[in-house]
Amino acid sequence: MKIGIYPGSFDPITNGHLDVINRARNIFDKVIVAVARNATKDPLFTSEERVHLIEENLADRPNISVIAFDGLIVDLAKETKAVALIRGLRAVSDFEHEFQMAQMNRHLDDSIETIFLMPNEQFFFTSSNLLKQVFKFTDRERRLIPNNVHKALSEKFGHDLKSCSERSEKTGRVANRNNAQI
């Protein structure tokens, strides 16, 4: 059985992440989505919340499991008998960072390969951080994230789920123009 691990912070998971997971499950017999607890990133969602948000979107896919982890991903790969690490590449700007990580992982354990997968082009510009910046001001974005993530982000940022669309039209654009770091 060929196992691949897709590690990341997934804070929160996006449709781009889900697209990469679906592509990976066509390559590997089993895909493990490994949610990094990584306290240095100061995540919006706890690792338990992130695992739950991901599991809700993958419940109908039996060859995918979701776990939280601490430590080195190559150690987790050895422990789970994974043959490859799966990484998503959105644009050329991702490559240098991903290349450095892949080389360090190879240095630590050269028996584990790194596989780069690109999401559908509609998700190239999507990132969890960018979506969190948008949600500080409005909850209008619905195409780039699953419904459960939209709801969770709206709750985290205090958006009223019933009147969010009206409020974001009135205040979101002004706030975005003046304060967003996008």
C-alpha atoms as a PDB file:
ATOM      1  CA  MET A   1       0.000   0.000   0.000  1.00  0.00           C
ATOM      2  CA  LYS A   2       1.433   3.373  -1.047  1.00  0.00           C
ATOM      3  CA  ILE A   3       0.816   6.049   1.566  1.00  0.00           C
ATOM      4  CA  GLY A   4       1.291   9.781   1.035  1.00  0.00           C
ATOM      5  CA  ILE A   5       1.231  12.458   3.727  1.00  0.00           C
ATOM      6  CA  TYR A   6      -0.095  15.945   3.035  1.00  0.00           C
ATOM      7  CA  PRO A   7       1.255  18.103   5.880  1.00  0.00           C
ATOM      8  CA  GLY A   8       0.291  21.677   6.651  1.00  0.00           C
ATOM      9  CA  SER A   9      -1.210  24.026   9.163  1.00  0.00           C
ATOM     10  CA  PHE A  10      -4.562  24.154   7.290  1.00  0.00           C
ATOM     11  CA  ASP A  11      -5.619  27.228   9.285  1.00  0.00           C
ATOM     12  CA  PRO A  12      -8.215  26.881   7.831  1.00  0.00           C
ATOM     13  CA  ILE A  13      -8.555  24.333   5.052  1.00  0.00           C
ATOM     14  CA  THR A  14      -9.468  25.831   1.676  1.00  0.00           C
ATOM     15  CA  ASN A  15     -10.955  24.426  -1.509  1.00  0.00           C
ATOM     16  CA  GLY A  16      -7.425  24.565  -2.932  1.00  0.00           C
ATOM     17  CA  HIS A  17      -6.230  22.207  -0.193  1.00  0.00           C
ATOM     18  CA  LEU A  18      -9.189  19.912  -0.846  1.00  0.00           C
ATOM     19  CA  ASP A  19      -8.376  19.907  -4.554  1.00  0.00           C
ATOM     20  CA  VAL A  20      -4.789  18.808  -3.822  1.00  0.00           C
ATOM     21  CA  ILE A  21      -6.089  16.079  -1.478  1.00  0.00           C
ATOM     22  CA  ASN A  22      -8.424  14.779  -4.186  1.00  0.00           C
ATOM     23  CA  ARG A  23      -5.588  14.724  -6.713  1.00  0.00           C
ATOM     24  CA  ALA A  24      -3.350  12.883  -4.238  1.00  0.00           C
ATOM     25  CA  ARG A  25      -5.955  10.227  -3.486  1.00  0.00           C
ATOM     26  CA  ASN A  26      -5.876   9.286  -7.171  1.00  0.00           C
ATOM     27  CA  ILE A  27      -2.125   8.621  -6.866  1.00  0.00           C
ATOM     28  CA  PHE A  28      -1.830   6.994  -3.440  1.00  0.00           C
ATOM     29  CA  ASP A  29      -3.722   4.100  -1.865  1.00  0.00           C
ATOM     30  CA  LYS A  30      -4.010   6.128   1.322  1.00  0.00           C
ATOM     31  CA  VAL A  31      -3.533   9.835   2.046  1.00  0.00           C
ATOM     32  CA  ILE A  32      -2.875  11.124   5.547  1.00  0.00           C
ATOM     33  CA  VAL A  33      -3.661  14.798   6.052  1.00  0.00           C
ATOM     34  CA  ALA A  34      -1.256  15.819   8.822  1.00  0.00           C
ATOM     35  CA  VAL A  35      -2.274  18.976  10.677  1.00  0.00           C
ATOM     36  CA  ALA A  36       0.749  20.645  12.272  1.00  0.00           C
ATOM     37  CA  ARG A  37       0.136  21.861  15.794  1.00  0.00           C
ATOM     38  CA  ASN A  38       2.922  24.441  15.183  1.00  0.00           C
ATOM     39  CA  ALA A  39       2.406  26.955  17.981  1.00  0.00           C
ATOM     40  CA  THR A  40       4.899  29.361  16.411  1.00  0.00           C
ATOM     41  CA  LYS A  41       2.379  30.292  13.725  1.00  0.00           C
ATOM     42  CA  ASP A  42      -0.261  31.485  16.238  1.00  0.00           C
ATOM     43  CA  PRO A  43      -3.161  29.725  14.491  1.00  0.00           C
ATOM     44  CA  LEU A  44      -6.714  31.066  14.492  1.00  0.00           C
ATOM     45  CA  PHE A  45      -8.136  27.563  14.980  1.00  0.00           C
ATOM     46  CA  THR A  46      -6.880  24.952  17.440  1.00  0.00           C
ATOM     47  CA  SER A  47      -5.419  21.804  15.953  1.00  0.00           C
ATOM     48  CA  GLU A  48      -8.540  19.923  17.102  1.00  0.00           C
ATOM     49  CA  GLU A  49     -10.785  22.442  15.309  1.00  0.00           C
ATOM     50  CA  ARG A  50      -8.697  22.203  12.146  1.00  0.00           C
ATOM     51  CA  VAL A  51      -8.800  18.398  12.191  1.00  0.00           C
ATOM     52  CA  HIS A  52     -12.587  18.514  12.660  1.00  0.00           C
ATOM     53  CA  LEU A  53     -13.103  21.026   9.810  1.00  0.00           C
ATOM     54  CA  ILE A  54     -11.052  18.823   7.485  1.00  0.00           C
ATOM     55  CA  GLU A  55     -12.732  15.572   8.540  1.00  0.00           C
ATOM     56  CA  GLU A  56     -16.171  17.050   7.862  1.00  0.00           C
ATOM     57  CA  ASN A  57     -15.146  17.610   4.236  1.00  0.00           C
ATOM     58  CA  LEU A  58     -13.559  14.200   3.739  1.00  0.00           C
ATOM     59  CA  ALA A  59     -16.063  11.937   5.507  1.00  0.00           C
ATOM     60  CA  ASP A  60     -17.044  10.191   2.253  1.00  0.00           C
ATOM     61  CA  ARG A  61     -13.459   9.368   1.260  1.00  0.00           C
ATOM     62  CA  PRO A  62     -12.368   6.156   3.007  1.00  0.00           C
ATOM     63  CA  ASN A  63      -8.757   6.275   1.829  1.00  0.00           C
ATOM     64  CA  ILE A  64      -8.074   9.580   3.622  1.00  0.00           C
ATOM     65  CA  SER A  65      -7.361  10.063   7.313  1.00  0.00           C
ATOM     66  CA  VAL A  66      -6.682  13.251   9.266  1.00  0.00           C
ATOM     67  CA  ILE A  67      -4.338  13.520  12.236  1.00  0.00           C
ATOM     68  CA  ALA A  68      -2.650  16.273  14.234  1.00  0.00           C
ATOM     69  CA  PHE A  69       1.086  16.029  14.800  1.00  0.00           C
ATOM     70  CA  ASP A  70       4.079  17.650  16.465  1.00  0.00           C
ATOM     71  CA  GLY A  71       7.655  17.256  15.373  1.00  0.00           C
ATOM     72  CA  LEU A  72       9.338  16.521  12.073  1.00  0.00           C
ATOM     73  CA  ILE A  73       7.202  15.392   9.170  1.00  0.00           C
ATOM     74  CA  VAL A  74       9.854  12.887   8.069  1.00  0.00           C
ATOM     75  CA  ASP A  75       9.541  11.179  11.465  1.00  0.00           C
ATOM     76  CA  LEU A  76       5.778  10.950  11.044  1.00  0.00           C
ATOM     77  CA  ALA A  77       6.272   9.602   7.524  1.00  0.00           C
ATOM     78  CA  LYS A  78       8.529   6.826   8.840  1.00  0.00           C
ATOM     79  CA  GLU A  79       6.090   6.035  11.664  1.00  0.00           C
ATOM     80  CA  THR A  80       3.148   5.725   9.242  1.00  0.00           C
ATOM     81  CA  LYS A  81       5.192   3.991   6.515  1.00  0.00           C
ATOM     82  CA  ALA A  82       4.503   6.796   4.039  1.00  0.00           C
ATOM     83  CA  VAL A  83       6.573   6.828   0.861  1.00  0.00           C
ATOM     84  CA  ALA A  84       6.020  10.479  -0.030  1.00  0.00           C
ATOM     85  CA  LEU A  85       5.203  13.925   1.274  1.00  0.00           C
ATOM     86  CA  ILE A  86       2.591  15.789  -0.743  1.00  0.00           C
ATOM     87  CA  ARG A  87       2.990  19.519  -1.196  1.00  0.00           C
ATOM     88  CA  GLY A  88       0.760  21.936  -3.048  1.00  0.00           C
ATOM     89  CA  LEU A  89       2.252  24.515  -5.388  1.00  0.00           C
ATOM     90  CA  ARG A  90       0.079  27.464  -6.358  1.00  0.00           C
ATOM     91  CA  ALA A  91       2.591  29.625  -8.173  1.00  0.00           C
ATOM     92  CA  VAL A  92       6.277  30.057  -8.851  1.00  0.00           C
ATOM     93  CA  SER A  93       6.504  32.146  -5.665  1.00  0.00           C
ATOM     94  CA  ASP A  94       5.788  28.991  -3.602  1.00  0.00           C
ATOM     95  CA  PHE A  95       8.573  27.028  -5.236  1.00  0.00           C
ATOM     96  CA  GLU A  96      11.642  28.408  -3.441  1.00  0.00           C
ATOM     97  CA  HIS A  97      10.221  27.786   0.043  1.00  0.00           C
ATOM     98  CA  GLU A  98       8.867  24.361  -0.905  1.00  0.00           C
ATOM     99  CA  PHE A  99      12.167  23.444  -2.581  1.00  0.00           C
ATOM    100  CA  GLN A 100      14.111  24.308   0.586  1.00  0.00           C
ATOM    101  CA  MET A 101      11.762  22.225   2.736  1.00  0.00           C
ATOM    102  CA  ALA A 102      11.944  19.290   0.322  1.00  0.00           C
ATOM    103  CA  GLN A 103      15.742  19.407   0.351  1.00  0.00           C
ATOM    104  CA  MET A 104      15.888  19.516   4.155  1.00  0.00           C
ATOM    105  CA  ASN A 105      13.455  16.600   4.395  1.00  0.00           C
ATOM    106  CA  ARG A 106      15.574  14.656   1.902  1.00  0.00           C
ATOM    107  CA  HIS A 107      18.660  15.470   3.964  1.00  0.00           C
ATOM    108  CA  LEU A 108      16.924  14.137   7.092  1.00  0.00           C
ATOM    109  CA  ASP A 109      15.604  10.995   5.380  1.00  0.00           C
ATOM    110  CA  ASP A 110      16.355  10.310   1.742  1.00  0.00           C
ATOM    111  CA  SER A 111      13.957   7.367   1.572  1.00  0.00           C
ATOM    112  CA  ILE A 112      10.926   9.697   1.563  1.00  0.00           C
ATOM    113  CA  GLU A 113      10.121  11.564  -1.637  1.00  0.00           C
ATOM    114  CA  THR A 114       8.347  14.905  -1.980  1.00  0.00           C
ATOM    115  CA  ILE A 115       5.600  15.149  -4.603  1.00  0.00           C
ATOM    116  CA  PHE A 116       4.384  18.565  -5.775  1.00  0.00           C
ATOM    117  CA  LEU A 117       0.785  18.877  -6.940  1.00  0.00           C
ATOM    118  CA  MET A 118      -0.885  21.946  -8.350  1.00  0.00           C
ATOM    119  CA  PRO A 119      -4.499  22.751  -7.526  1.00  0.00           C
ATOM    120  CA  ASN A 120      -6.997  23.776 -10.151  1.00  0.00           C
ATOM    121  CA  GLU A 121      -6.116  27.218 -11.527  1.00  0.00           C
ATOM    122  CA  GLN A 122      -9.176  28.787  -9.875  1.00  0.00           C
ATOM    123  CA  PHE A 123      -7.393  28.275  -6.526  1.00  0.00           C
ATOM    124  CA  PHE A 124      -3.895  29.525  -7.463  1.00  0.00           C
ATOM    125  CA  PHE A 125      -4.250  32.793  -5.540  1.00  0.00           C
ATOM    126  CA  THR A 126      -5.961  31.259  -2.503  1.00  0.00           C
ATOM    127  CA  SER A 127      -4.200  31.007   0.838  1.00  0.00           C
ATOM    128  CA  SER A 128      -5.480  30.500   4.363  1.00  0.00           C
ATOM    129  CA  ASN A 129      -3.796  33.730   5.476  1.00  0.00           C
ATOM    130  CA  LEU A 130      -5.363  35.763   2.688  1.00  0.00           C
ATOM    131  CA  LEU A 131      -8.804  34.396   3.509  1.00  0.00           C
ATOM    132  CA  LYS A 132      -8.371  35.250   7.193  1.00  0.00           C
ATOM    133  CA  GLN A 133      -7.446  38.823   6.213  1.00  0.00           C
ATOM    134  CA  VAL A 134     -10.622  39.094   4.132  1.00  0.00           C
ATOM    135  CA  PHE A 135     -12.772  37.650   6.928  1.00  0.00           C
ATOM    136  CA  LYS A 136     -11.591  40.362   9.327  1.00  0.00           C
ATOM    137  CA  PHE A 137     -13.790  42.708   7.299  1.00  0.00           C
ATOM    138  CA  THR A 138     -16.414  40.634   5.536  1.00  0.00           C
ATOM    139  CA  ASP A 139     -17.748  37.135   5.124  1.00  0.00           C
ATOM    140  CA  ARG A 140     -18.629  37.543   1.446  1.00  0.00           C
ATOM    141  CA  GLU A 141     -16.137  34.950   0.226  1.00  0.00           C
ATOM    142  CA  ARG A 142     -17.817  31.592  -0.326  1.00  0.00           C
ATOM    143  CA  ARG A 143     -16.232  30.059  -3.435  1.00  0.00           C
ATOM    144  CA  LEU A 144     -12.750  29.436  -2.063  1.00  0.00           C
ATOM    145  CA  ILE A 145     -13.681  27.620   1.144  1.00  0.00           C
ATOM    146  CA  PRO A 146     -16.057  24.838   2.137  1.00  0.00           C
ATOM    147  CA  ASN A 147     -19.342  25.798   3.824  1.00  0.00           C
ATOM    148  CA  ASN A 148     -18.267  24.559   7.261  1.00  0.00           C
ATOM    149  CA  VAL A 149     -15.137  26.713   7.095  1.00  0.00           C
ATOM    150  CA  HIS A 150     -17.192  29.745   6.050  1.00  0.00           C
ATOM    151  CA  LYS A 151     -19.375  29.245   9.086  1.00  0.00           C
ATOM    152  CA  ALA A 152     -16.394  28.715  11.410  1.00  0.00           C
ATOM    153  CA  LEU A 153     -14.591  31.829  10.109  1.00  0.00           C
ATOM    154  CA  SER A 154     -17.767  33.893  10.430  1.00  0.00           C
ATOM    155  CA  GLU A 155     -18.110  32.769  14.042  1.00  0.00           C
ATOM    156  CA  LYS A 156     -14.424  33.456  14.835  1.00  0.00           C
ATOM    157  CA  PHE A 157     -14.653  36.970  13.422  1.00  0.00           C
ATOM    158  CA  GLY A 158     -18.070  37.704  14.941  1.00  0.00           C
ATOM    159  CA  HIS A 159     -20.024  37.963  11.705  1.00  0.00           C
ATOM    160  CA  ASP A 160     -23.764  37.510  12.127  1.00  0.00           C
ATOM    161  CA  LEU A 161     -24.498  34.621   9.787  1.00  0.00           C
ATOM    162  CA  LYS A 162     -27.945  35.968   8.821  1.00  0.00           C
ATOM    163  CA  SER A 163     -27.052  39.555   8.054  1.00  0.00           C
ATOM    164  CA  CYS A 164     -23.420  39.222   7.009  1.00  0.00           C
ATOM    165  CA  SER A 165     -24.012  39.796   3.330  1.00  0.00           C
ATOM    166  CA  GLU A 166     -25.872  43.052   3.933  1.00  0.00           C
ATOM    167  CA  ARG A 167     -23.308  44.339   6.440  1.00  0.00           C
ATOM    168  CA  SER A 168     -20.321  43.390   4.304  1.00  0.00           C
ATOM    169  CA  GLU A 169     -21.744  45.299   1.352  1.00  0.00           C
ATOM    170  CA  LYS A 170     -22.112  48.421   3.511  1.00  0.00           C
ATOM    171  CA  THR A 171     -18.947  48.263   5.615  1.00  0.00           C
ATOM    172  CA  GLY A 172     -16.668  45.577   4.224  1.00  0.00           C
ATOM    173  CA  ARG A 173     -15.560  47.410   1.111  1.00  0.00           C
ATOM    174  CA  VAL A 174     -14.740  50.614   2.952  1.00  0.00           C
ATOM    175  CA  ALA A 175     -12.821  48.744   5.641  1.00  0.00           C
ATOM    176  CA  ASN A 176     -10.994  46.705   3.037  1.00  0.00           C
ATOM    177  CA  ARG A 177      -9.981  49.756   1.042  1.00  0.00           C
ATOM    178  CA  ASN A 178      -8.632  51.567   4.070  1.00  0.00           C
ATOM    179  CA  ASN A 179      -7.190  48.849   6.297  1.00  0.00           C
ATOM    180  CA  ALA A 180      -6.652  45.492   4.605  1.00  0.00           C
ATOM    181  CA  GLN A 181      -3.163  44.247   3.914  1.00  0.00           C
ATOM    182  CA  ILE A 182      -4.177  42.564   0.694  1.00  0.00           C
END
